[in-house]
Amino acid sequence: MFQSLPQAFRTHKLQADVRSLLLLQKSFEKGLIRTFGDLYVVLKGIIVKKPQDLGPFSKAYYEYFLNIQFKPGETLDSAISRSEAFKEWKENYLESLDDEKETPDMQSLVDRFLDQVHLTSYDIKKIIDGKQILDKDNPDLEDHINQENNAAGAAKRNLDQATDFSDIDINELLDRMRRVADQQKDKHTGGSHWIGQGGISPYGNGGAAKGGIRVGGAGGGKMARKVIGDARYFPVDKDEQINDNNIDASLASLKGVISESAEEELDVQGTIEKGLKRGGLFIPELKDKISREMKVILLIDNGGYSMNPYIHAVTQLFKKMKTRFAHDLKTFYFHNTIYDYVFTDARRSERMNIDRFLKHSPNYNIFIIGDAAMAPYELGRSSIQHWLDIADKFKKAAWLNPDRQEWWDHTFTTKVLKEIFAMYPLTPNGIEKAVVEMNRKGKMG
């Protein structure tokens, strides 16, 4: 059963082998898996070892069982909407709608698709409109609980139906819940009215109510949107080129360029206190003053259409960095390569001679951002010398390339520049590797 499953997960750098299949088989034999959703939960417990595995696991799971293919950095909703499984389901679902009903938007369709084919830890055969439940329910009902019946209900918890309260105004649900709480005197399990566990009531936990209000405990019949769409379970792709979605992950990688230095300064308070203890003999006391600094120079290639998709994200990333850490950040621009000057403005109208640029402190971390691809004649002897001078002056320098790494050796100029600077992908992981190497060089220097 599922013999090819381990290889499918290993493709996503997850640990899976024949032992994974044996554990899965035991789960089936013990009745732990009755639905597609149960299969997800059990496999996650077997394969996921750390939080970083959750994103790759979700991708591998959808690819293997529903043949949903993900483009690099693509969101779950987008990948599902392109899949054949979703298109077939959508066609059948829309045919079942009354002609008078308005066609749901794509987001609603994806949500419903996930709800129907994915996560519920019960064998749900029927989904009831929550409005039907509330129309028949009296929120002011008095509590006459029978403890024996309640205990029996707790033992069964065999739900075969769920309720959907998604269309009910949240304020209405909160108001009804308060009224129910005023009457409730004891613990309830199962049912559709009380604040309890394991039922289809809109308030409580461990039950099968979509769009309700969780009160204590953990979820039971969780719907896919509440799990798979959560960033903890479907995190950003740290190997994807920098974009608006993974800026924060990139920012975390950049924290490593902040360096600490210590210098001695007069400890006035300590000098006074110790001088008084010595009977008026005041000897200057010194203490270390720790300063944290971030010295970064950005050199951005913003002259060609191939760099346009990345300029905004790069600018936002380092702008956030400057705001967050409030230190020294300077930005310069070039077009394809550096000739005798760099530009101090994004429009490339204000120039700074390369000799003046090289007078900056060697303590700066230099990030060069560009695809390094150009016509061979553009990267002439003088231009190569300018890059060599920059690499020689600034030991902590890295080139961040937005092109995919497998393309780098197909361009002559990229290969030349890769010999001068350590080159990394313009991704959160690439930035992290660049910072680690830059810091290592800094310590060696």
Protein backbone atom coordinates (compact mmCIF):
# COMPACT_ATOMS: atom_id res chain seq x y z
CA MET A 1 0.00 0.00 0.00
CA PHE A 2 1.38 3.42 -1.04
CA GLN A 3 4.77 1.85 -1.90
CA SER A 4 5.93 4.98 -3.72
CA LEU A 5 4.93 7.29 -0.88
CA PRO A 6 8.33 7.44 0.92
CA GLN A 7 10.11 8.53 -2.25
CA ALA A 8 7.49 11.23 -2.87
CA PHE A 9 8.18 12.73 0.56
CA ARG A 10 11.96 12.31 0.29
CA THR A 11 11.81 14.42 -2.87
CA HIS A 12 10.81 17.27 -0.55
CA LYS A 13 13.75 16.51 1.78
CA LEU A 14 11.58 14.79 4.38
CA GLN A 15 12.47 11.62 6.26
CA ALA A 16 10.27 8.77 5.06
CA ASP A 17 11.06 5.08 4.56
CA VAL A 18 9.57 1.61 4.93
CA ARG A 19 9.06 2.24 8.65
CA SER A 20 6.75 5.11 7.73
CA LEU A 21 4.65 2.67 5.68
CA LEU A 22 4.54 0.15 8.55
CA LEU A 23 3.32 2.82 10.98
CA LEU A 24 0.72 3.94 8.44
CA GLN A 25 -0.46 0.33 8.02
CA LYS A 26 -0.85 -0.05 11.80
CA SER A 27 -2.89 3.16 11.90
CA PHE A 28 -5.29 1.70 9.34
CA GLU A 29 -5.53 -1.58 11.26
CA LYS A 30 -6.38 0.26 14.50
CA GLY A 31 -9.13 2.25 12.79
CA LEU A 32 -7.37 5.59 13.18
CA ILE A 33 -7.85 6.44 9.50
CA ARG A 34 -11.36 6.65 8.10
CA THR A 35 -11.18 9.78 5.94
CA PHE A 36 -8.78 11.70 3.76
CA GLY A 37 -8.36 14.15 6.62
CA ASP A 38 -7.41 11.42 9.09
CA LEU A 39 -4.78 10.24 6.63
CA TYR A 40 -3.25 13.73 6.61
CA VAL A 41 -3.18 13.93 10.42
CA VAL A 42 -1.61 10.48 10.87
CA LEU A 43 1.01 10.98 8.17
CA LYS A 44 1.91 14.36 9.60
CA GLY A 45 2.55 12.71 12.97
CA ILE A 46 4.76 10.08 11.33
CA ILE A 47 6.81 12.28 9.00
CA VAL A 48 6.95 15.82 10.42
CA LYS A 49 9.78 16.08 12.96
CA LYS A 50 10.15 19.87 13.27
CA PRO A 51 8.06 22.96 12.38
CA GLN A 52 10.11 23.62 9.23
CA ASP A 53 8.90 20.29 7.83
CA LEU A 54 5.24 21.33 7.79
CA GLY A 55 5.36 23.35 4.58
CA PRO A 56 7.22 20.70 2.53
CA PHE A 57 4.96 18.00 4.04
CA SER A 58 1.80 19.82 2.90
CA LYS A 59 3.18 20.18 -0.62
CA ALA A 60 4.25 16.54 -0.82
CA TYR A 61 0.90 15.36 0.53
CA TYR A 62 -1.16 17.30 -2.01
CA GLU A 63 1.12 16.34 -4.88
CA TYR A 64 0.99 12.64 -4.02
CA PHE A 65 -2.68 12.17 -3.21
CA LEU A 66 -4.40 14.82 -5.35
CA ASN A 67 -1.75 15.46 -8.03
CA ILE A 68 -1.71 19.17 -7.14
CA GLN A 69 1.55 20.63 -8.43
CA PHE A 70 3.12 23.71 -6.86
CA LYS A 71 5.12 26.32 -8.72
CA PRO A 72 8.05 27.81 -6.72
CA GLY A 73 6.67 30.09 -4.02
CA GLU A 74 3.05 29.49 -5.04
CA THR A 75 0.30 29.66 -2.43
CA LEU A 76 -1.91 26.71 -1.58
CA ASP A 77 -5.04 28.38 -2.98
CA SER A 78 -3.38 29.15 -6.30
CA ALA A 79 -2.02 25.62 -6.76
CA ILE A 80 -5.40 24.09 -5.94
CA SER A 81 -7.28 26.38 -8.32
CA ARG A 82 -5.01 25.19 -11.19
CA SER A 83 -5.33 21.49 -10.39
CA GLU A 84 -7.41 18.98 -12.35
CA ALA A 85 -8.87 17.61 -9.10
CA PHE A 86 -10.29 21.02 -8.24
CA LYS A 87 -11.52 21.75 -11.78
CA GLU A 88 -13.42 18.44 -11.90
CA TRP A 89 -14.90 19.04 -8.45
CA LYS A 90 -15.86 22.62 -9.33
CA GLU A 91 -17.64 21.54 -12.51
CA ASN A 92 -19.75 19.01 -10.62
CA TYR A 93 -20.40 21.39 -7.75
CA LEU A 94 -21.56 24.27 -9.97
CA GLU A 95 -23.90 21.93 -11.84
CA SER A 96 -25.52 21.02 -8.53
CA LEU A 97 -26.32 24.64 -7.66
CA ASP A 98 -29.75 26.08 -8.25
CA ASP A 99 -29.87 28.40 -11.25
CA GLU A 100 -31.10 31.16 -8.97
CA LYS A 101 -28.02 30.96 -6.75
CA GLU A 102 -25.14 33.32 -7.41
CA THR A 103 -21.91 31.57 -8.44
CA PRO A 104 -19.41 31.69 -5.53
CA ASP A 105 -16.10 33.47 -6.03
CA MET A 106 -12.89 31.46 -6.45
CA GLN A 107 -11.82 31.82 -2.82
CA SER A 108 -15.14 30.45 -1.59
CA LEU A 109 -14.92 27.56 -4.04
CA VAL A 110 -11.41 26.62 -2.89
CA ASP A 111 -12.56 26.81 0.74
CA ARG A 112 -15.51 24.51 0.07
CA PHE A 113 -13.32 22.11 -1.90
CA LEU A 114 -10.91 21.80 1.05
CA ASP A 115 -13.77 21.40 3.50
CA GLN A 116 -15.27 18.56 1.52
CA VAL A 117 -12.17 16.58 0.59
CA HIS A 118 -9.79 17.24 3.42
CA LEU A 119 -9.74 17.70 7.15
CA THR A 120 -12.34 16.21 9.42
CA SER A 121 -11.51 13.59 12.00
CA TYR A 122 -15.00 12.10 11.75
CA ASP A 123 -16.69 10.16 8.97
CA ILE A 124 -18.94 13.07 8.00
CA LYS A 125 -21.70 12.05 5.62
CA LYS A 126 -23.86 15.14 5.83
CA ILE A 127 -23.25 18.85 6.41
CA ILE A 128 -26.19 20.75 7.92
CA ASP A 129 -26.79 24.46 7.42
CA GLY A 130 -26.15 26.09 10.80
CA LYS A 131 -29.11 28.42 10.28
CA GLN A 132 -31.45 25.41 10.42
CA ILE A 133 -30.00 24.51 13.84
CA LEU A 134 -30.33 28.03 15.23
CA ASP A 135 -33.87 28.55 13.90
CA LYS A 136 -35.06 25.56 15.96
CA ASP A 137 -32.89 26.30 18.99
CA ASN A 138 -33.89 28.30 22.08
CA PRO A 139 -30.79 29.99 23.57
CA ASP A 140 -32.68 30.53 26.85
CA LEU A 141 -33.34 26.81 27.38
CA GLU A 142 -32.93 25.75 31.00
CA ASP A 143 -30.21 23.22 31.84
CA HIS A 144 -31.63 19.93 33.17
CA ILE A 145 -28.57 17.80 32.63
CA ASN A 146 -28.59 14.03 33.22
CA GLN A 147 -25.06 13.06 34.23
CA GLU A 148 -25.42 9.39 33.18
CA ASN A 149 -26.64 10.27 29.70
CA ASN A 150 -23.89 12.85 29.38
CA ALA A 151 -21.23 10.26 30.25
CA ALA A 152 -22.64 7.87 27.66
CA GLY A 153 -22.55 10.58 25.04
CA ALA A 154 -18.92 11.31 25.89
CA ALA A 155 -18.00 7.68 25.29
CA LYS A 156 -19.63 7.47 21.86
CA ARG A 157 -18.61 10.69 20.11
CA ASN A 158 -19.31 9.00 16.80
CA LEU A 159 -20.28 11.99 14.64
CA ASP A 160 -21.49 11.37 11.13
CA GLN A 161 -22.70 14.91 10.42
CA ALA A 162 -21.34 18.43 10.72
CA THR A 163 -22.81 21.93 10.79
CA ASP A 164 -21.73 25.00 8.88
CA PHE A 165 -22.19 28.33 10.72
CA SER A 166 -19.99 30.33 8.33
CA ASP A 167 -22.88 32.49 7.10
CA ILE A 168 -24.04 33.44 10.61
CA ASP A 169 -22.95 36.85 11.87
CA ILE A 170 -20.29 36.42 14.56
CA ASN A 171 -22.01 38.96 16.83
CA GLU A 172 -25.22 36.93 16.68
CA LEU A 173 -23.31 33.79 17.67
CA LEU A 174 -21.61 35.61 20.55
CA ASP A 175 -24.95 36.96 21.80
CA ARG A 176 -26.55 33.50 21.69
CA MET A 177 -23.55 31.96 23.41
CA ARG A 178 -23.86 34.43 26.31
CA ARG A 179 -27.53 33.53 26.73
CA VAL A 180 -26.73 29.81 26.64
CA ALA A 181 -23.92 30.35 29.19
CA ASP A 182 -26.36 32.07 31.55
CA GLN A 183 -28.46 28.89 31.69
CA GLN A 184 -25.68 26.28 31.54
CA LYS A 185 -24.92 24.62 34.88
CA ASP A 186 -22.67 21.69 34.01
CA LYS A 187 -20.47 20.05 31.42
CA HIS A 188 -22.10 18.83 28.18
CA THR A 189 -20.83 16.48 25.51
CA GLY A 190 -22.37 16.06 22.08
CA GLY A 191 -25.53 17.77 20.82
CA SER A 192 -26.20 21.04 19.05
CA HIS A 193 -27.13 23.46 21.84
CA TRP A 194 -24.76 23.71 24.79
CA ILE A 195 -21.20 24.98 25.14
CA GLY A 196 -19.46 21.63 25.24
CA GLN A 197 -17.37 19.03 23.47
CA GLY A 198 -17.75 16.64 20.59
CA GLY A 199 -21.01 17.90 19.15
CA ILE A 200 -22.25 20.16 16.38
CA SER A 201 -23.00 23.17 18.58
CA PRO A 202 -21.55 26.48 17.31
CA TYR A 203 -19.71 26.95 20.62
CA GLY A 204 -17.27 24.59 22.31
CA ASN A 205 -14.41 22.37 21.17
CA GLY A 206 -13.68 18.94 19.80
CA GLY A 207 -16.80 18.87 17.65
CA ALA A 208 -17.68 19.23 13.99
CA ALA A 209 -18.94 22.79 13.55
CA LYS A 210 -17.46 24.94 10.81
CA GLY A 211 -17.40 28.68 11.41
CA GLY A 212 -18.34 28.38 15.08
CA ILE A 213 -16.63 29.72 18.22
CA ARG A 214 -13.99 27.57 19.85
CA VAL A 215 -14.24 27.64 23.65
CA GLY A 216 -11.30 25.95 25.37
CA GLY A 217 -9.65 22.68 24.39
CA ALA A 218 -8.46 21.72 20.94
CA GLY A 219 -10.29 21.43 17.68
CA GLY A 220 -11.97 18.24 16.64
CA GLY A 221 -13.43 18.21 13.15
CA LYS A 222 -11.10 20.95 11.96
CA MET A 223 -11.69 22.16 8.43
CA ALA A 224 -8.72 22.46 6.10
CA ARG A 225 -8.78 26.23 5.83
CA LYS A 226 -8.06 26.60 9.54
CA VAL A 227 -5.02 24.36 9.38
CA ILE A 228 -3.39 24.23 5.99
CA GLY A 229 -3.85 27.96 5.38
CA ASP A 230 -2.09 28.78 8.66
CA ALA A 231 1.44 30.11 8.15
CA ARG A 232 2.70 27.65 10.77
CA TYR A 233 1.61 24.78 8.54
CA PHE A 234 2.27 26.28 5.14
CA PRO A 235 5.21 28.65 5.70
CA VAL A 236 6.92 30.81 3.09
CA ASP A 237 9.28 29.07 0.71
CA LYS A 238 12.72 30.23 1.88
CA ASP A 239 14.29 29.00 -1.36
CA GLU A 240 12.01 31.15 -3.50
CA GLN A 241 13.30 34.43 -4.96
CA ILE A 242 12.63 37.39 -2.71
CA ASN A 243 9.10 38.75 -2.95
CA ASP A 244 6.57 40.61 -0.82
CA ASN A 245 5.54 37.37 0.92
CA ASN A 246 8.96 36.35 2.24
CA ILE A 247 10.42 39.74 3.17
CA ASP A 248 10.09 39.04 6.89
CA ALA A 249 11.92 35.74 6.51
CA SER A 250 14.68 37.58 4.63
CA LEU A 251 14.78 40.23 7.34
CA ALA A 252 15.39 37.57 9.97
CA SER A 253 18.34 36.30 7.90
CA LEU A 254 19.85 39.79 7.78
CA LYS A 255 19.99 40.19 11.55
CA GLY A 256 23.39 38.57 11.49
CA VAL A 257 25.07 41.64 9.94
CA ILE A 258 24.62 43.55 13.19
CA SER A 259 27.95 43.55 15.00
CA GLU A 260 28.78 44.35 18.59
CA SER A 261 31.84 46.30 19.68
CA ALA A 262 33.04 47.29 23.14
CA GLU A 263 34.92 50.38 24.19
CA GLU A 264 35.77 51.59 27.67
CA GLU A 265 34.10 54.64 29.17
CA LEU A 266 34.18 56.31 32.57
CA ASP A 267 31.72 54.77 35.02
CA VAL A 268 30.74 57.92 36.92
CA GLN A 269 28.33 56.24 39.32
CA GLY A 270 30.77 53.40 40.07
CA THR A 271 33.63 55.87 40.66
CA ILE A 272 31.56 57.83 43.20
CA GLU A 273 30.27 54.77 45.06
CA LYS A 274 33.66 53.07 45.36
CA GLY A 275 35.37 56.37 46.20
CA LEU A 276 33.04 56.92 49.15
CA LYS A 277 33.75 53.38 50.39
CA ARG A 278 37.49 54.15 50.21
CA GLY A 279 37.01 57.17 52.45
CA GLY A 280 37.25 59.79 49.73
CA LEU A 281 39.88 58.17 47.53
CA PHE A 282 38.32 58.51 44.08
CA ILE A 283 39.95 56.27 41.46
CA PRO A 284 38.38 56.43 38.00
CA GLU A 285 36.39 53.26 37.31
CA LEU A 286 35.96 52.15 33.72
CA LYS A 287 33.27 49.99 32.16
CA ASP A 288 32.68 48.48 28.73
CA LYS A 289 30.29 50.37 26.51
CA ILE A 290 28.67 47.89 24.15
CA SER A 291 27.54 49.33 20.86
CA ARG A 292 25.57 47.47 18.23
CA GLU A 293 25.95 48.72 14.72
CA MET A 294 24.78 47.83 11.27
CA LYS A 295 26.91 49.17 8.44
CA VAL A 296 25.51 48.12 5.08
CA ILE A 297 26.01 49.32 1.53
CA LEU A 298 23.61 48.16 -1.17
CA LEU A 299 24.69 48.14 -4.79
CA ILE A 300 21.57 47.51 -6.87
CA ASP A 301 21.40 46.83 -10.59
CA ASN A 302 18.18 48.62 -11.53
CA GLY A 303 18.85 49.27 -15.19
CA GLY A 304 17.21 46.37 -16.98
CA TYR A 305 13.77 44.80 -17.31
CA SER A 306 15.09 41.50 -15.93
CA MET A 307 15.63 43.12 -12.52
CA ASN A 308 12.29 44.96 -12.36
CA PRO A 309 10.36 42.19 -10.52
CA TYR A 310 12.83 42.30 -7.61
CA ILE A 311 13.62 45.99 -7.09
CA HIS A 312 10.51 46.74 -5.01
CA ALA A 313 10.94 43.74 -2.72
CA VAL A 314 14.67 44.41 -2.24
CA THR A 315 14.03 48.07 -1.45
CA GLN A 316 11.28 47.19 1.03
CA LEU A 317 13.48 44.57 2.69
CA PHE A 318 16.37 46.90 3.39
CA LYS A 319 14.07 49.79 4.26
CA LYS A 320 12.54 47.55 6.94
CA MET A 321 16.02 46.63 8.03
CA LYS A 322 17.01 50.28 8.46
CA THR A 323 13.81 51.07 10.38
CA ARG A 324 14.14 48.00 12.59
CA PHE A 325 17.81 48.41 13.46
CA ALA A 326 18.25 52.20 12.94
CA HIS A 327 21.88 52.20 11.82
CA ASP A 328 24.01 53.01 8.79
CA LEU A 329 22.53 51.91 5.46
CA LYS A 330 23.57 53.42 2.13
CA THR A 331 22.17 52.55 -1.27
CA PHE A 332 23.82 52.99 -4.67
CA TYR A 333 22.78 51.91 -8.15
CA PHE A 334 24.38 50.71 -11.37
CA HIS A 335 23.27 49.45 -14.77
CA ASN A 336 24.54 45.97 -15.63
CA THR A 337 28.05 46.73 -14.36
CA ILE A 338 30.16 49.50 -12.81
CA TYR A 339 32.19 51.70 -15.10
CA ASP A 340 33.82 54.78 -13.51
CA TYR A 341 31.03 55.67 -11.12
CA VAL A 342 27.97 54.51 -9.22
CA PHE A 343 24.65 56.34 -8.92
CA THR A 344 23.28 57.75 -5.67
CA ASP A 345 19.64 57.87 -6.82
CA ALA A 346 17.28 55.29 -8.30
CA ARG A 347 16.86 57.35 -11.49
CA ARG A 348 20.63 57.14 -12.02
CA SER A 349 21.01 60.88 -12.55
CA GLU A 350 23.41 61.65 -9.66
CA ARG A 351 26.87 60.11 -9.92
CA MET A 352 29.60 59.27 -7.42
CA ASN A 353 33.08 58.59 -8.75
CA ILE A 354 34.30 55.06 -7.98
CA ASP A 355 37.41 56.41 -6.19
CA ARG A 356 35.18 58.37 -3.82
CA PHE A 357 32.98 55.31 -3.30
CA LEU A 358 36.06 53.30 -2.30
CA LYS A 359 36.79 55.76 0.52
CA HIS A 360 33.95 54.27 2.59
CA SER A 361 35.01 52.40 5.71
CA PRO A 362 36.06 48.78 5.06
CA ASN A 363 33.76 47.79 7.95
CA TYR A 364 30.71 48.04 5.68
CA ASN A 365 28.87 44.87 4.65
CA ILE A 366 28.40 45.08 0.88
CA PHE A 367 25.37 43.45 -0.78
CA ILE A 368 25.45 43.57 -4.58
CA ILE A 369 22.06 42.75 -6.08
CA GLY A 370 21.90 41.92 -9.78
CA ASP A 371 21.57 39.10 -12.27
CA ALA A 372 25.22 39.62 -13.44
CA ALA A 373 24.10 38.76 -16.99
CA MET A 374 25.11 41.16 -19.78
CA ALA A 375 26.84 41.23 -23.12
CA PRO A 376 30.51 40.20 -22.74
CA TYR A 377 31.79 43.50 -24.17
CA GLU A 378 30.07 45.42 -21.33
CA LEU A 379 32.23 43.75 -18.71
CA GLY A 380 35.46 45.25 -19.97
CA ARG A 381 38.90 45.29 -18.35
CA SER A 382 38.36 48.57 -16.46
CA SER A 383 34.96 47.40 -15.18
CA ILE A 384 36.43 44.13 -13.93
CA GLN A 385 39.15 46.13 -12.16
CA HIS A 386 36.52 48.24 -10.37
CA TRP A 387 34.83 45.08 -9.09
CA LEU A 388 38.20 43.71 -7.96
CA ASP A 389 38.91 46.96 -6.10
CA ILE A 390 35.54 46.72 -4.30
CA ALA A 391 36.16 43.09 -3.36
CA ASP A 392 39.62 43.99 -2.08
CA LYS A 393 38.43 46.97 -0.01
CA PHE A 394 35.31 45.39 1.51
CA LYS A 395 36.09 41.92 2.81
CA LYS A 396 32.49 41.34 3.87
CA ALA A 397 30.87 41.42 0.43
CA ALA A 398 28.31 39.14 -1.23
CA TRP A 399 26.54 39.10 -4.59
CA LEU A 400 22.83 38.20 -4.42
CA ASN A 401 21.55 36.91 -7.75
CA PRO A 402 17.79 36.68 -8.54
CA ASP A 403 18.37 34.25 -11.41
CA ARG A 404 18.06 30.58 -10.59
CA GLN A 405 21.38 29.07 -9.58
CA GLU A 406 21.36 26.46 -12.34
CA TRP A 407 21.46 29.29 -14.92
CA TRP A 408 24.56 31.05 -13.59
CA ASP A 409 27.15 29.03 -15.45
CA HIS A 410 25.37 29.57 -18.75
CA THR A 411 26.35 33.26 -18.87
CA PHE A 412 29.98 34.28 -19.36
CA THR A 413 29.76 37.51 -17.34
CA THR A 414 28.05 35.74 -14.44
CA LYS A 415 30.87 33.21 -14.29
CA VAL A 416 33.48 36.00 -14.27
CA LEU A 417 31.78 37.94 -11.45
CA LYS A 418 31.24 34.71 -9.52
CA GLU A 419 35.03 34.35 -9.41
CA ILE A 420 35.37 37.80 -7.81
CA PHE A 421 32.49 37.68 -5.31
CA ALA A 422 30.84 34.88 -3.39
CA MET A 423 27.46 34.62 -5.15
CA TYR A 424 24.22 33.51 -3.49
CA PRO A 425 20.58 33.20 -4.60
CA LEU A 426 18.39 36.21 -3.80
CA THR A 427 16.28 34.14 -1.39
CA PRO A 428 15.90 34.11 2.40
CA ASN A 429 18.15 31.04 2.58
CA GLY A 430 20.64 32.62 0.19
CA ILE A 431 20.80 35.81 2.27
CA GLU A 432 21.31 33.76 5.43
CA LYS A 433 24.23 31.85 3.88
CA ALA A 434 25.75 35.11 2.64
CA VAL A 435 25.57 36.70 6.10
CA VAL A 436 27.15 33.64 7.76
CA GLU A 437 30.06 33.68 5.30
CA MET A 438 30.51 37.48 5.53
CA ASN A 439 30.72 37.25 9.33
CA ARG A 440 33.23 34.43 9.09
CA LYS A 441 35.45 36.56 6.84
CA GLY A 442 35.03 39.48 9.23
CA LYS A 443 36.34 37.42 12.16
CA MET A 444 39.27 36.13 10.08
CA GLY A 445 40.17 39.72 9.15
